[in-house]
Amino acid sequence: ALCISMPLVSFTDWKYLAEGHNFILAFPGLLAALGLTMVSRLSKNDALLPLCMVLIPSLFYIVIFCFVGWDLDQARDAGWVGQVAPPTPIQDVVSLIDFSLVQ
């Protein structure tokens, strides 16, 4: 899972969540997944699921910045935000497109 930087492919991989720090990092994601599942199954309003998908990361960053008082580097050091990745050149992205398939 992205939140703990460990693969959770099979049922036996869930042992990583038994480690305290990994469980703490994964808990908000698991809670969000449960919430999104409930909204997608029970909601009659078509706008509610996309709204939740925007609100979840927004609330995450509000909590990190306003309530905890961290900046992105502090959140990154604590494991809550991923490491900075080098930018991908636009040529690499364009090379993935097969223009012969475009009609």
N, C-alpha and C. Protein backbone atom coordinates (compact mmCIF):
# COMPACT_ATOMS: atom_id res chain seq x y z
N ALA A 1 0.84 -1.18 0.00
CA ALA A 1 0.00 0.00 0.00
C ALA A 1 0.89 1.24 0.00
N LEU A 2 0.41 2.25 -0.67
CA LEU A 2 1.20 3.47 -0.78
C LEU A 2 1.45 4.13 0.57
N CYS A 3 0.52 4.01 1.48
CA CYS A 3 0.65 4.71 2.75
C CYS A 3 1.73 4.13 3.67
N ILE A 4 2.14 2.88 3.45
CA ILE A 4 3.18 2.32 4.30
C ILE A 4 4.41 1.90 3.50
N SER A 5 4.40 2.15 2.21
CA SER A 5 5.53 1.82 1.32
C SER A 5 5.88 0.33 1.34
N MET A 6 4.88 -0.49 1.51
CA MET A 6 5.03 -1.94 1.49
C MET A 6 3.92 -2.52 0.61
N PRO A 7 4.19 -3.60 -0.11
CA PRO A 7 3.12 -4.19 -0.93
C PRO A 7 2.14 -4.97 -0.06
N LEU A 8 0.87 -4.80 -0.33
CA LEU A 8 -0.18 -5.57 0.34
C LEU A 8 -0.93 -6.37 -0.73
N VAL A 9 -0.22 -7.31 -1.35
CA VAL A 9 -0.76 -8.07 -2.47
C VAL A 9 -1.59 -9.25 -1.97
N SER A 10 -1.06 -10.00 -1.04
CA SER A 10 -1.77 -11.18 -0.55
C SER A 10 -2.19 -10.97 0.91
N PHE A 11 -3.01 -11.88 1.38
CA PHE A 11 -3.51 -11.77 2.75
C PHE A 11 -2.37 -11.80 3.77
N THR A 12 -1.32 -12.55 3.47
CA THR A 12 -0.20 -12.65 4.42
C THR A 12 0.60 -11.34 4.50
N ASP A 13 0.48 -10.48 3.49
CA ASP A 13 1.18 -9.20 3.53
C ASP A 13 0.58 -8.24 4.55
N TRP A 14 -0.61 -8.52 5.01
CA TRP A 14 -1.26 -7.64 5.97
C TRP A 14 -0.55 -7.67 7.33
N LYS A 15 0.42 -8.57 7.47
CA LYS A 15 1.21 -8.61 8.71
C LYS A 15 1.96 -7.31 8.93
N TYR A 16 2.25 -6.58 7.83
CA TYR A 16 2.95 -5.30 7.97
C TYR A 16 2.14 -4.30 8.79
N LEU A 17 0.83 -4.45 8.78
CA LEU A 17 -0.02 -3.53 9.55
C LEU A 17 0.05 -3.80 11.05
N ALA A 18 0.60 -4.95 11.44
CA ALA A 18 0.76 -5.26 12.86
C ALA A 18 1.84 -4.40 13.50
N GLU A 19 2.73 -3.86 12.69
CA GLU A 19 3.74 -2.95 13.21
C GLU A 19 3.06 -1.61 13.51
N GLY A 20 3.27 -1.11 14.70
CA GLY A 20 2.56 0.08 15.18
C GLY A 20 2.62 1.27 14.25
N HIS A 21 3.81 1.64 13.81
CA HIS A 21 3.95 2.84 12.97
C HIS A 21 3.26 2.64 11.62
N ASN A 22 3.37 1.46 11.05
CA ASN A 22 2.70 1.18 9.77
C ASN A 22 1.19 1.25 9.92
N PHE A 23 0.66 0.75 11.02
CA PHE A 23 -0.79 0.80 11.24
C PHE A 23 -1.26 2.24 11.37
N ILE A 24 -0.49 3.05 12.10
CA ILE A 24 -0.86 4.46 12.26
C ILE A 24 -0.86 5.17 10.90
N LEU A 25 0.13 4.87 10.05
CA LEU A 25 0.18 5.49 8.73
C LEU A 25 -0.96 4.99 7.83
N ALA A 26 -1.36 3.74 7.99
CA ALA A 26 -2.39 3.15 7.13
C ALA A 26 -3.80 3.45 7.60
N PHE A 27 -3.98 3.75 8.86
CA PHE A 27 -5.32 3.90 9.42
C PHE A 27 -6.17 4.96 8.71
N PRO A 28 -5.65 6.16 8.44
CA PRO A 28 -6.50 7.13 7.71
C PRO A 28 -6.91 6.64 6.32
N GLY A 29 -6.03 5.94 5.63
CA GLY A 29 -6.38 5.40 4.32
C GLY A 29 -7.43 4.32 4.41
N LEU A 30 -7.31 3.46 5.40
CA LEU A 30 -8.32 2.41 5.60
C LEU A 30 -9.66 3.02 5.97
N LEU A 31 -9.64 4.04 6.80
CA LEU A 31 -10.87 4.74 7.20
C LEU A 31 -11.51 5.43 5.99
N ALA A 32 -10.68 6.07 5.16
CA ALA A 32 -11.18 6.73 3.96
C ALA A 32 -11.78 5.70 2.99
N ALA A 33 -11.13 4.55 2.84
CA ALA A 33 -11.65 3.50 1.96
C ALA A 33 -13.00 3.01 2.45
N LEU A 34 -13.13 2.83 3.75
CA LEU A 34 -14.41 2.41 4.31
C LEU A 34 -15.49 3.47 4.07
N GLY A 35 -15.13 4.73 4.28
CA GLY A 35 -16.08 5.81 4.04
C GLY A 35 -16.50 5.90 2.58
N LEU A 36 -15.54 5.79 1.66
CA LEU A 36 -15.87 5.85 0.24
C LEU A 36 -16.72 4.67 -0.18
N THR A 37 -16.46 3.51 0.39
CA THR A 37 -17.27 2.33 0.08
C THR A 37 -18.71 2.54 0.54
N MET A 38 -18.87 3.06 1.75
CA MET A 38 -20.22 3.30 2.28
C MET A 38 -20.95 4.35 1.44
N VAL A 39 -20.27 5.43 1.09
CA VAL A 39 -20.91 6.47 0.28
C VAL A 39 -21.30 5.93 -1.09
N SER A 40 -20.41 5.15 -1.72
CA SER A 40 -20.72 4.65 -3.06
C SER A 40 -21.87 3.65 -3.05
N ARG A 41 -22.05 2.96 -1.96
CA ARG A 41 -23.13 1.95 -1.91
C ARG A 41 -24.45 2.52 -1.41
N LEU A 42 -24.39 3.50 -0.51
CA LEU A 42 -25.62 3.95 0.15
C LEU A 42 -26.15 5.28 -0.35
N SER A 43 -25.33 6.09 -0.99
CA SER A 43 -25.75 7.43 -1.37
C SER A 43 -26.67 7.41 -2.57
N LYS A 44 -27.67 8.23 -2.51
CA LYS A 44 -28.59 8.42 -3.64
C LYS A 44 -28.20 9.65 -4.46
N ASN A 45 -27.30 10.46 -3.93
CA ASN A 45 -26.87 11.69 -4.59
C ASN A 45 -25.62 11.41 -5.41
N ASP A 46 -25.67 11.71 -6.70
CA ASP A 46 -24.54 11.44 -7.59
C ASP A 46 -23.33 12.31 -7.32
N ALA A 47 -23.50 13.43 -6.67
CA ALA A 47 -22.39 14.35 -6.42
C ALA A 47 -21.64 14.01 -5.14
N LEU A 48 -22.17 13.16 -4.32
CA LEU A 48 -21.58 12.92 -3.00
C LEU A 48 -20.24 12.17 -3.08
N LEU A 49 -20.13 11.17 -3.92
CA LEU A 49 -18.88 10.43 -4.03
C LEU A 49 -17.73 11.30 -4.55
N PRO A 50 -17.92 12.05 -5.66
CA PRO A 50 -16.83 12.94 -6.08
C PRO A 50 -16.49 13.99 -5.03
N LEU A 51 -17.50 14.49 -4.32
CA LEU A 51 -17.25 15.47 -3.27
C LEU A 51 -16.39 14.85 -2.16
N CYS A 52 -16.69 13.63 -1.78
CA CYS A 52 -15.88 12.94 -0.77
C CYS A 52 -14.45 12.71 -1.26
N MET A 53 -14.31 12.42 -2.55
CA MET A 53 -12.97 12.18 -3.10
C MET A 53 -12.13 13.45 -3.08
N VAL A 54 -12.75 14.60 -3.12
CA VAL A 54 -12.03 15.87 -3.01
C VAL A 54 -11.82 16.24 -1.54
N LEU A 55 -12.81 15.97 -0.71
CA LEU A 55 -12.72 16.34 0.69
C LEU A 55 -11.68 15.55 1.48
N ILE A 56 -11.50 14.28 1.16
CA ILE A 56 -10.58 13.44 1.93
C ILE A 56 -9.15 13.98 1.88
N PRO A 57 -8.55 14.20 0.70
CA PRO A 57 -7.20 14.76 0.72
C PRO A 57 -7.16 16.19 1.26
N SER A 58 -8.24 16.96 1.02
CA SER A 58 -8.28 18.31 1.56
C SER A 58 -8.23 18.30 3.08
N LEU A 59 -9.01 17.44 3.69
CA LEU A 59 -9.01 17.32 5.15
C LEU A 59 -7.66 16.83 5.67
N PHE A 60 -7.04 15.93 4.93
CA PHE A 60 -5.72 15.44 5.33
C PHE A 60 -4.73 16.60 5.44
N TYR A 61 -4.68 17.44 4.40
CA TYR A 61 -3.72 18.54 4.42
C TYR A 61 -4.12 19.63 5.41
N ILE A 62 -5.39 19.83 5.64
CA ILE A 62 -5.83 20.78 6.67
C ILE A 62 -5.36 20.31 8.04
N VAL A 63 -5.52 19.02 8.31
CA VAL A 63 -5.06 18.48 9.60
C VAL A 63 -3.55 18.62 9.72
N ILE A 64 -2.82 18.25 8.68
CA ILE A 64 -1.34 18.33 8.72
C ILE A 64 -0.87 19.75 8.93
N PHE A 65 -1.42 20.70 8.16
CA PHE A 65 -0.93 22.08 8.22
C PHE A 65 -1.48 22.86 9.41
N CYS A 66 -2.79 22.75 9.66
CA CYS A 66 -3.43 23.62 10.66
C CYS A 66 -3.41 23.03 12.07
N PHE A 67 -3.75 21.77 12.20
CA PHE A 67 -3.88 21.19 13.53
C PHE A 67 -2.56 20.64 14.06
N VAL A 68 -1.81 19.96 13.20
CA VAL A 68 -0.52 19.42 13.63
C VAL A 68 0.56 20.50 13.56
N GLY A 69 0.44 21.39 12.57
CA GLY A 69 1.39 22.49 12.44
C GLY A 69 2.66 22.14 11.68
N TRP A 70 2.61 21.10 10.87
CA TRP A 70 3.78 20.69 10.10
C TRP A 70 3.77 21.36 8.74
N ASP A 71 4.95 21.49 8.14
CA ASP A 71 5.03 21.82 6.72
C ASP A 71 5.23 20.50 5.97
N LEU A 72 5.34 20.57 4.65
CA LEU A 72 5.45 19.34 3.87
C LEU A 72 6.71 18.55 4.19
N ASP A 73 7.81 19.23 4.46
CA ASP A 73 9.05 18.51 4.78
C ASP A 73 8.92 17.74 6.10
N GLN A 74 8.27 18.32 7.08
CA GLN A 74 8.07 17.62 8.35
C GLN A 74 7.13 16.43 8.18
N ALA A 75 6.08 16.62 7.39
CA ALA A 75 5.15 15.51 7.12
C ALA A 75 5.87 14.41 6.34
N ARG A 76 6.74 14.79 5.44
CA ARG A 76 7.52 13.82 4.66
C ARG A 76 8.47 13.04 5.57
N ASP A 77 9.14 13.74 6.48
CA ASP A 77 10.06 13.08 7.41
C ASP A 77 9.33 12.11 8.34
N ALA A 78 8.09 12.42 8.67
CA ALA A 78 7.30 11.55 9.54
C ALA A 78 6.66 10.39 8.78
N GLY A 79 6.76 10.40 7.45
CA GLY A 79 6.22 9.31 6.65
C GLY A 79 4.81 9.53 6.13
N TRP A 80 4.21 10.69 6.39
CA TRP A 80 2.83 10.95 5.97
C TRP A 80 2.72 11.38 4.52
N VAL A 81 3.80 11.92 3.96
CA VAL A 81 3.80 12.38 2.57
C VAL A 81 4.98 11.71 1.87
N GLY A 82 4.79 11.31 0.62
CA GLY A 82 5.84 10.62 -0.12
C GLY A 82 7.04 11.52 -0.42
N GLN A 83 8.13 10.88 -0.77
CA GLN A 83 9.35 11.61 -1.11
C GLN A 83 9.18 12.36 -2.43
N VAL A 84 9.96 13.39 -2.60
CA VAL A 84 9.91 14.18 -3.83
C VAL A 84 10.49 13.35 -4.97
N ALA A 85 9.75 13.26 -6.05
CA ALA A 85 10.19 12.50 -7.22
C ALA A 85 10.75 13.47 -8.26
N PRO A 86 11.74 13.03 -9.02
CA PRO A 86 12.25 13.91 -10.08
C PRO A 86 11.19 14.11 -11.15
N PRO A 87 11.17 15.28 -11.77
CA PRO A 87 10.16 15.52 -12.81
C PRO A 87 10.39 14.65 -14.04
N THR A 88 9.31 14.28 -14.68
CA THR A 88 9.37 13.47 -15.89
C THR A 88 9.40 14.39 -17.10
N PRO A 89 10.37 14.23 -17.99
CA PRO A 89 10.40 15.06 -19.20
C PRO A 89 9.17 14.81 -20.07
N ILE A 90 8.67 15.86 -20.68
CA ILE A 90 7.46 15.76 -21.50
C ILE A 90 7.66 14.79 -22.67
N GLN A 91 8.89 14.67 -23.17
CA GLN A 91 9.15 13.74 -24.27
C GLN A 91 8.85 12.30 -23.85
N ASP A 92 9.15 11.97 -22.61
CA ASP A 92 8.87 10.62 -22.12
C ASP A 92 7.37 10.34 -22.07
N VAL A 93 6.60 11.35 -21.70
CA VAL A 93 5.15 11.19 -21.63
C VAL A 93 4.58 11.05 -23.04
N VAL A 94 5.01 11.91 -23.95
CA VAL A 94 4.50 11.89 -25.32
C VAL A 94 4.89 10.58 -26.02
N SER A 95 6.05 10.05 -25.70
CA SER A 95 6.47 8.80 -26.34
C SER A 95 5.58 7.61 -25.96
N LEU A 96 4.81 7.73 -24.91
CA LEU A 96 3.89 6.67 -24.51
C LEU A 96 2.64 6.62 -25.37
N ILE A 97 2.37 7.69 -26.10
CA ILE A 97 1.17 7.77 -26.92
C ILE A 97 1.44 7.15 -28.28
N ASP A 98 0.58 6.25 -28.70
CA ASP A 98 0.68 5.63 -30.01
C ASP A 98 -0.29 6.37 -30.94
N PHE A 99 0.23 7.35 -31.67
CA PHE A 99 -0.60 8.19 -32.51
C PHE A 99 -1.19 7.42 -33.68
N SER A 100 -0.66 6.26 -34.01
CA SER A 100 -1.24 5.46 -35.10
C SER A 100 -2.63 4.92 -34.73
N LEU A 101 -2.94 4.91 -33.46
CA LEU A 101 -4.24 4.42 -33.00
C LEU A 101 -5.30 5.52 -32.98
N VAL A 102 -4.88 6.77 -33.19
CA VAL A 102 -5.81 7.89 -33.17
C VAL A 102 -6.52 7.98 -34.52
N GLN A 103 -7.84 8.09 -34.51
CA GLN A 103 -8.60 8.17 -35.76
C GLN A 103 -9.12 9.56 -35.99
